[in-house]
């Protein structure tokens, strides 16, 4: 499948759920089984390039006309797991979030109101026949939400510094964990946070991601991938990034009533991500 461009598209991180083939009904299961046998499959960069290419025409295409038939595939313990892209569904949902992120004049310049209104109507009609639809992928730009780190542990961290030269490969930083572990960590984290603080964004975010995880097969795998954020973090900072360990340490300190240790863990997180926030402000 040809790529739209060879340009690297930053700066987004991803939370993905890979479900075993058995979780999908027929004929979708057969589709993904055949898809998984393909020798080559597109990457997350290819998906981003296609989405950006849709914004270049006049008028732009805010949401793909057809749903993507692509997915991420991995095999674990002899079992094939699939994470469908569902680019159209995610596009509709992201379009709804844009109004909260961009000032109205900028939003209207990027995507005229008539296009947004048409996309919203299309989404509402589609939901009538697909009321239980949910994406397998969550995306965050210029950050990794702290509640995502609650799902994983430092022992599950995978880091590859990449390579240079003609066959250069970018760095990779990700975590993968079984669904049952992710759900267990969410439950423990929520108990601790609710006992230690008032309701707020961190607790609300963790409740939301916990509900999302409940929608999937219990033998799924959960992946936290820094994606394009690896290009926003200096190599040395990336190699030394153990944010999941800091989040776990902070939650454990709260459980033990040690506010000082919890504050120190939080300070490390703030310092580590300051450079990324500065880049976002510069753009």
Protein backbone atom coordinates (compact mmCIF):
# COMPACT_ATOMS: atom_id res chain seq x y z
CA UNK A 1 0.00 0.00 0.00
CA UNK A 2 1.65 3.30 -1.04
CA UNK A 3 2.41 5.95 1.52
CA UNK A 4 1.08 9.48 1.20
CA UNK A 5 4.50 10.89 2.06
CA UNK A 6 7.77 9.97 3.70
CA UNK A 7 7.54 12.96 6.04
CA UNK A 8 7.43 12.11 9.75
CA UNK A 9 4.26 13.41 11.36
CA UNK A 10 4.59 14.26 15.06
CA UNK A 11 3.46 14.81 17.86
CA UNK A 12 0.85 12.35 19.11
CA UNK A 13 0.85 9.52 21.65
CA UNK A 14 -1.54 6.57 21.54
CA UNK A 15 -3.38 4.25 23.88
CA UNK A 16 -4.42 1.14 21.97
CA UNK A 17 -6.38 -2.01 22.73
CA UNK A 18 -5.54 -5.17 20.78
CA UNK A 19 -8.34 -7.73 20.93
CA UNK A 20 -7.90 -11.43 20.09
CA UNK A 21 -9.52 -12.54 16.85
CA UNK A 22 -12.09 -14.50 18.86
CA UNK A 23 -13.53 -11.20 20.12
CA UNK A 24 -14.74 -10.22 16.64
CA UNK A 25 -17.98 -11.55 15.10
CA UNK A 26 -18.06 -12.95 11.61
CA UNK A 27 -17.53 -11.83 8.90
CA UNK A 28 -15.27 -9.23 10.55
CA UNK A 29 -13.19 -11.95 12.21
CA UNK A 30 -12.42 -13.52 8.84
CA UNK A 31 -11.47 -10.11 7.43
CA UNK A 32 -8.95 -9.48 10.22
CA UNK A 33 -7.59 -13.03 10.01
CA UNK A 34 -6.84 -12.50 6.31
CA UNK A 35 -5.52 -9.00 7.00
CA UNK A 36 -3.12 -10.32 9.65
CA UNK A 37 -1.54 -12.63 7.08
CA UNK A 38 -0.52 -9.76 4.81
CA UNK A 39 3.27 -9.40 4.48
CA UNK A 40 3.10 -5.60 4.73
CA UNK A 41 0.74 -3.34 6.62
CA UNK A 42 0.59 0.46 7.03
CA UNK A 43 1.90 2.21 10.14
CA UNK A 44 0.39 4.87 12.40
CA UNK A 45 2.40 7.44 10.42
CA UNK A 46 0.60 6.36 7.26
CA UNK A 47 -2.76 6.93 8.93
CA UNK A 48 -1.72 10.42 10.03
CA UNK A 49 -0.42 11.30 6.57
CA UNK A 50 -3.69 10.25 4.97
CA UNK A 51 -5.69 12.32 7.45
CA UNK A 52 -3.53 15.38 6.86
CA UNK A 53 -3.79 14.91 3.09
CA UNK A 54 -7.60 15.05 3.40
CA UNK A 55 -7.29 18.54 4.92
CA UNK A 56 -5.37 19.95 1.94
CA UNK A 57 -8.15 20.07 -0.71
CA UNK A 58 -10.62 22.94 -0.91
CA UNK A 59 -12.96 22.36 0.77
CA UNK A 60 -11.12 20.06 3.21
CA UNK A 61 -12.40 16.62 4.16
CA UNK A 62 -12.70 16.72 7.99
CA UNK A 63 -13.73 13.06 8.33
CA UNK A 64 -13.01 10.19 5.91
CA UNK A 65 -15.95 9.31 3.69
CA UNK A 66 -15.44 5.59 4.31
CA UNK A 67 -14.30 3.72 7.40
CA UNK A 68 -10.75 2.40 7.37
CA UNK A 69 -10.27 -1.32 6.78
CA UNK A 70 -6.78 -1.21 8.33
CA UNK A 71 -5.57 -2.26 11.76
CA UNK A 72 -2.49 -2.79 13.89
CA UNK A 73 -1.66 -6.45 14.42
CA UNK A 74 0.50 -8.22 16.96
CA UNK A 75 0.96 -11.81 18.03
CA UNK A 76 1.39 -12.77 21.68
CA UNK A 77 1.77 -16.33 22.95
CA UNK A 78 0.65 -17.66 19.58
CA UNK A 79 -2.56 -15.60 19.55
CA UNK A 80 -3.20 -12.94 16.90
CA UNK A 81 -4.49 -9.65 18.32
CA UNK A 82 -5.97 -6.83 16.25
CA UNK A 83 -6.44 -3.12 16.91
CA UNK A 84 -8.72 -1.66 14.19
CA UNK A 85 -7.95 1.90 13.19
CA UNK A 86 -11.59 3.05 12.89
CA UNK A 87 -10.27 6.34 11.52
CA UNK A 88 -13.70 7.65 10.55
CA UNK A 89 -15.19 7.10 13.99
CA UNK A 90 -12.18 8.68 15.68
CA UNK A 91 -12.36 11.59 13.24
CA UNK A 92 -15.97 12.29 14.19
CA UNK A 93 -15.12 12.16 17.88
CA UNK A 94 -12.03 14.36 17.47
CA UNK A 95 -14.09 16.89 15.53
CA UNK A 96 -16.38 17.22 18.54
CA UNK A 97 -13.39 17.93 20.78
CA UNK A 98 -11.95 20.63 18.53
CA UNK A 99 -14.48 23.22 19.67
CA UNK A 100 -13.01 23.00 23.17
CA UNK A 101 -9.40 23.27 21.98
CA UNK A 102 -9.47 26.03 19.33
CA UNK A 103 -10.90 29.55 19.50
CA UNK A 104 -13.94 29.99 17.20
CA UNK A 105 -12.22 32.22 14.58
CA UNK A 106 -9.36 29.73 14.15
CA UNK A 107 -11.71 26.76 14.10
CA UNK A 108 -13.87 28.40 11.42
CA UNK A 109 -10.77 29.13 9.32
CA UNK A 110 -9.53 25.55 9.52
CA UNK A 111 -12.91 23.84 9.14
CA UNK A 112 -15.85 26.00 8.00
CA UNK A 113 -19.03 25.66 10.10
CA UNK A 114 -20.99 24.12 7.22
CA UNK A 115 -18.50 21.23 7.00
CA UNK A 116 -18.58 20.66 10.74
CA UNK A 117 -22.36 20.72 10.75
CA UNK A 118 -22.55 18.18 7.93
CA UNK A 119 -20.04 15.90 9.69
CA UNK A 120 -22.04 16.13 12.92
CA UNK A 121 -25.24 15.17 11.11
CA UNK A 122 -23.48 12.24 9.44
CA UNK A 123 -22.22 11.04 12.82
CA UNK A 124 -25.63 11.28 14.45
CA UNK A 125 -27.23 9.27 11.64
CA UNK A 126 -24.47 6.66 11.82
CA UNK A 127 -24.87 6.32 15.62
CA UNK A 128 -28.50 5.31 15.20
CA UNK A 129 -27.38 2.03 13.68
CA UNK A 130 -24.16 1.74 15.74
CA UNK A 131 -25.09 2.85 19.29
CA UNK A 132 -22.38 0.76 20.98
CA UNK A 133 -19.50 1.85 18.74
CA UNK A 134 -16.21 2.67 20.45
CA UNK A 135 -12.69 3.23 19.15
CA UNK A 136 -9.82 0.86 19.84
CA UNK A 137 -7.39 3.79 19.87
CA UNK A 138 -7.16 6.95 21.93
CA UNK A 139 -4.88 9.79 20.86
CA UNK A 140 -3.26 12.62 22.81
CA UNK A 141 -1.24 15.42 21.20
CA UNK A 142 1.82 16.98 22.83
CA UNK A 143 1.45 14.83 25.95
CA UNK A 144 0.83 11.45 27.49
CA UNK A 145 -2.09 11.89 29.92
CA UNK A 146 -1.01 10.94 33.45
CA UNK A 147 -3.97 8.57 33.83
CA UNK A 148 -2.60 6.46 30.96
CA UNK A 149 0.53 5.69 32.95
CA UNK A 150 -1.62 4.19 35.72
CA UNK A 151 -2.44 1.27 33.39
CA UNK A 152 1.16 0.11 32.95
CA UNK A 153 4.29 -0.60 35.00
CA UNK A 154 7.92 0.30 34.50
CA UNK A 155 8.77 -3.40 34.05
CA UNK A 156 6.66 -3.39 30.87
CA UNK A 157 8.59 -0.49 29.35
CA UNK A 158 10.12 -1.13 25.91
CA UNK A 159 12.69 1.34 24.61
CA UNK A 160 14.60 1.26 21.32
CA UNK A 161 16.81 4.23 20.60
CA UNK A 162 16.44 3.71 16.83
CA UNK A 163 19.13 4.00 14.20
CA UNK A 164 20.70 6.49 11.80
CA UNK A 165 21.80 6.31 8.19
CA UNK A 166 20.00 5.34 4.99
CA UNK A 167 17.80 2.83 6.82
CA UNK A 168 17.20 5.11 9.77
CA UNK A 169 14.52 4.07 12.23
CA UNK A 170 13.02 6.45 14.80
CA UNK A 171 13.17 5.72 18.54
CA UNK A 172 10.36 3.70 20.07
CA UNK A 173 9.07 3.98 23.62
CA UNK A 174 6.02 1.97 24.60
CA UNK A 175 4.41 -0.22 27.23
CA UNK A 176 2.25 -3.32 26.74
CA UNK A 177 0.23 -5.03 29.42
CA UNK A 178 -2.59 -7.62 29.66
CA UNK A 179 -6.06 -6.15 29.97
CA UNK A 180 -6.65 -7.79 33.35
CA UNK A 181 -3.57 -6.01 34.74
CA UNK A 182 -4.61 -2.66 33.31
CA UNK A 183 -8.09 -2.94 34.84
CA UNK A 184 -6.66 -4.01 38.19
CA UNK A 185 -4.31 -1.02 38.26
CA UNK A 186 -7.15 1.35 37.41
CA UNK A 187 -9.23 0.03 40.31
CA UNK A 188 -6.32 0.27 42.78
CA UNK A 189 -5.38 3.72 41.55
CA UNK A 190 -8.92 5.04 41.87
CA UNK A 191 -9.26 3.76 45.42
CA UNK A 192 -6.06 5.49 46.44
CA UNK A 193 -6.77 8.77 44.67
CA UNK A 194 -10.32 9.02 46.01
CA UNK A 195 -9.08 8.43 49.56
CA UNK A 196 -6.35 11.04 49.18
CA UNK A 197 -7.95 13.90 47.25
CA UNK A 198 -11.15 15.48 46.03
CA UNK A 199 -12.68 14.68 42.68
CA UNK A 200 -10.76 16.34 39.86
CA UNK A 201 -9.33 15.93 36.35
CA UNK A 202 -6.97 13.08 37.29
CA UNK A 203 -9.73 11.00 38.88
CA UNK A 204 -12.25 11.88 36.15
CA UNK A 205 -9.74 10.87 33.47
CA UNK A 206 -8.99 7.57 35.16
CA UNK A 207 -12.70 6.79 35.56
CA UNK A 208 -13.21 7.52 31.86
CA UNK A 209 -10.34 5.33 30.67
CA UNK A 210 -11.43 2.56 33.05
CA UNK A 211 -14.93 2.53 31.57
CA UNK A 212 -13.43 2.43 28.10
CA UNK A 213 -11.31 -0.63 28.96
CA UNK A 214 -14.40 -2.47 30.22
CA UNK A 215 -15.75 -2.45 26.66
CA UNK A 216 -13.13 -4.93 25.43
CA UNK A 217 -12.39 -8.65 25.62
CA UNK A 218 -10.71 -9.58 28.94
CA UNK A 219 -7.82 -11.24 27.08
CA UNK A 220 -6.97 -8.12 25.15
CA UNK A 221 -3.64 -6.33 25.35
CA UNK A 222 -3.24 -2.64 26.17
CA UNK A 223 -0.47 -0.60 24.59
CA UNK A 224 0.75 2.87 25.53
CA UNK A 225 2.87 4.16 22.65
CA UNK A 226 4.76 7.48 22.67
CA UNK A 227 4.30 7.52 18.88
CA UNK A 228 5.43 10.83 17.38
CA UNK A 229 6.24 12.30 20.79
CA UNK A 230 9.65 10.62 20.53
CA UNK A 231 10.54 13.46 18.14
CA UNK A 232 9.65 16.10 20.73
CA UNK A 233 11.82 14.67 23.52
CA UNK A 234 15.64 14.88 23.46
CA UNK A 235 17.27 11.45 23.13
CA UNK A 236 18.78 11.56 26.60
CA UNK A 237 15.46 12.57 28.16
CA UNK A 238 13.65 9.84 26.23
CA UNK A 239 16.06 7.15 27.36
CA UNK A 240 15.70 8.25 30.97
CA UNK A 241 11.92 8.64 30.81
CA UNK A 242 10.34 6.39 33.44
CA UNK A 243 7.08 8.28 33.83
CA UNK A 244 5.09 5.13 34.61
CA UNK A 245 7.43 4.46 37.55
CA UNK A 246 6.98 8.03 38.81
CA UNK A 247 3.18 7.79 38.59
CA UNK A 248 3.19 4.44 40.41
CA UNK A 249 5.52 5.83 43.07
CA UNK A 250 3.31 8.88 43.55
CA UNK A 251 0.14 6.79 43.93
CA UNK A 252 1.85 4.44 46.39
CA UNK A 253 3.08 7.42 48.41
CA UNK A 254 -0.49 8.77 48.57
CA UNK A 255 -1.72 5.35 49.72
CA UNK A 256 0.81 5.46 52.56
CA UNK A 257 -0.04 9.06 53.43
CA UNK A 258 3.39 10.35 52.41
CA UNK A 259 2.58 13.68 50.79
CA UNK A 260 6.25 14.66 50.49
CA UNK A 261 7.19 11.61 48.40
CA UNK A 262 4.06 12.04 46.28
CA UNK A 263 4.99 15.66 45.64
CA UNK A 264 8.52 14.69 44.62
CA UNK A 265 7.24 12.13 42.11
CA UNK A 266 4.84 14.70 40.66
CA UNK A 267 7.64 17.28 40.41
CA UNK A 268 9.74 14.85 38.36
CA UNK A 269 6.84 14.38 35.95
CA UNK A 270 6.29 18.12 35.60
CA UNK A 271 9.99 18.75 34.94
CA UNK A 272 10.23 15.94 32.39
CA UNK A 273 7.27 17.15 30.33
CA UNK A 274 8.05 20.88 30.56
CA UNK A 275 10.12 20.83 27.37
CA UNK A 276 7.22 19.29 25.43
CA UNK A 277 4.78 21.88 26.77
CA UNK A 278 7.22 24.63 25.79
CA UNK A 279 7.36 23.27 22.24
CA UNK A 280 3.56 23.23 22.06
CA UNK A 281 3.41 26.85 23.20
CA UNK A 282 6.02 27.81 20.61
CA UNK A 283 3.80 26.40 17.87
